[in-house]
Protein backbone atom coordinates (compact mmCIF):
# COMPACT_ATOMS: atom_id res chain seq x y z
CA UNK A 1 0.12 0.03 -0.01
CA UNK A 2 1.34 3.45 -0.99
CA UNK A 3 0.63 6.12 1.52
CA UNK A 4 -0.12 9.62 0.11
CA UNK A 5 0.70 12.23 2.65
CA UNK A 6 4.26 12.81 4.02
CA UNK A 7 5.06 12.39 7.61
CA UNK A 8 6.08 15.17 10.07
CA UNK A 9 9.19 13.34 11.29
CA UNK A 10 12.49 14.96 11.29
CA UNK A 11 14.20 12.33 9.04
CA UNK A 12 13.52 9.21 7.30
CA UNK A 13 14.39 5.87 8.62
CA UNK A 14 17.45 5.26 6.32
CA UNK A 15 20.61 4.05 8.03
CA UNK A 16 24.15 5.76 7.22
CA UNK A 17 25.02 2.94 4.83
CA UNK A 18 22.68 4.46 2.13
CA UNK A 19 24.76 7.77 2.41
CA UNK A 20 28.20 6.64 2.89
CA UNK A 21 29.69 9.53 0.95
CA UNK A 22 27.91 12.18 3.18
CA UNK A 23 28.07 13.41 6.82
CA UNK A 24 24.85 11.46 7.77
CA UNK A 25 24.10 13.41 10.80
CA UNK A 26 24.42 16.72 8.81
CA UNK A 27 22.00 15.82 5.97
CA UNK A 28 19.25 18.25 5.41
CA UNK A 29 16.62 15.90 4.45
CA UNK A 30 14.15 18.41 3.02
CA UNK A 31 16.76 20.47 1.18
CA UNK A 32 18.42 17.33 -0.15
CA UNK A 33 15.26 15.68 -1.14
CA UNK A 34 16.40 15.14 -4.63
CA UNK A 35 19.77 13.40 -3.65
CA UNK A 36 17.93 11.22 -1.17
CA UNK A 37 15.34 10.06 -3.55
CA UNK A 38 17.57 9.36 -6.35
CA UNK A 39 19.86 7.37 -4.23
CA UNK A 40 17.13 5.27 -2.60
CA UNK A 41 15.26 4.56 -5.93
CA UNK A 42 18.58 3.58 -7.50
CA UNK A 43 19.93 1.41 -4.61
CA UNK A 44 17.01 0.59 -2.42
CA UNK A 45 13.96 -1.95 -2.69
CA UNK A 46 10.42 -1.69 -1.87
CA UNK A 47 10.95 -1.40 1.80
CA UNK A 48 13.01 1.70 1.30
CA UNK A 49 10.71 2.99 -1.26
CA UNK A 50 7.94 2.81 1.11
CA UNK A 51 10.02 4.74 3.53
CA UNK A 52 10.63 7.52 0.97
CA UNK A 53 6.80 7.81 0.45
CA UNK A 54 6.12 7.77 4.24
CA UNK A 55 8.67 10.56 4.67
CA UNK A 56 8.12 12.83 1.60
CA UNK A 57 4.60 11.65 0.30
CA UNK A 58 3.80 10.07 -2.85
CA UNK A 59 3.19 13.26 -4.88
CA UNK A 60 6.65 14.76 -3.86
CA UNK A 61 8.43 11.41 -4.88
CA UNK A 62 6.46 11.18 -8.16
CA UNK A 63 7.02 14.73 -9.10
CA UNK A 64 10.88 14.58 -8.27
CA UNK A 65 10.96 11.42 -10.39
CA UNK A 66 9.23 13.03 -13.33
CA UNK A 67 10.71 16.72 -13.27
CA UNK A 68 13.94 16.95 -11.26
CA UNK A 69 16.19 13.77 -11.19
CA UNK A 70 18.32 13.82 -14.20
CA UNK A 71 20.04 10.44 -14.00
CA UNK A 72 18.97 7.00 -13.06
CA UNK A 73 20.22 3.76 -14.38
CA UNK A 74 17.83 1.84 -16.75
CA UNK A 75 17.23 -0.76 -13.96
CA UNK A 76 16.10 1.76 -11.59
CA UNK A 77 13.80 3.43 -14.00
CA UNK A 78 12.28 0.28 -14.96
CA UNK A 79 11.70 -0.79 -11.33
CA UNK A 80 10.41 2.67 -10.19
CA UNK A 81 7.83 2.42 -12.96
CA UNK A 82 6.48 -0.85 -11.79
CA UNK A 83 6.30 0.45 -8.11
CA UNK A 84 5.01 4.20 -8.67
CA UNK A 85 2.12 5.47 -10.80
CA UNK A 86 4.53 6.91 -13.48
CA UNK A 87 5.67 5.93 -16.97
CA UNK A 88 9.25 6.13 -18.20
CA UNK A 89 8.58 8.50 -20.90
CA UNK A 90 7.27 10.88 -18.06
CA UNK A 91 10.61 10.76 -16.30
CA UNK A 92 13.33 13.55 -17.05
CA UNK A 93 15.97 11.07 -16.66
CA UNK A 94 14.60 8.88 -19.27
CA UNK A 95 13.90 11.66 -21.82
CA UNK A 96 17.28 13.10 -21.35
CA UNK A 97 18.74 9.55 -22.07
CA UNK A 98 16.59 9.53 -25.28
CA UNK A 99 17.72 12.77 -26.60
CA UNK A 100 21.45 12.06 -26.29
CA UNK A 101 23.07 10.40 -29.29
CA UNK A 102 24.47 7.05 -28.80
CA UNK A 103 28.31 6.42 -28.71
CA UNK A 104 29.58 5.35 -32.22
CA UNK A 105 31.29 2.06 -30.82
């Protein structure tokens, strides 16, 4: 079940392992939402995605996937489309990939 509304908690329930390259205690979870959502979509699974939705709300996660995240690997795009109410053609990271010419090799 995907919850609709964000929570009022101070931070999501993600451990430091997801953000190994950042100072975990200093992450501004609201200001860094694009980084957090992209990281969890790329490396997490359904349990972590549920936490994203619980913390940020479904609309913010979907809007961010559609309009703000500029890169996700193909597998993450495909998996996100099976979980969230979104088509890959609606995702900025997918449309940017399609507009780039392929390498000649």
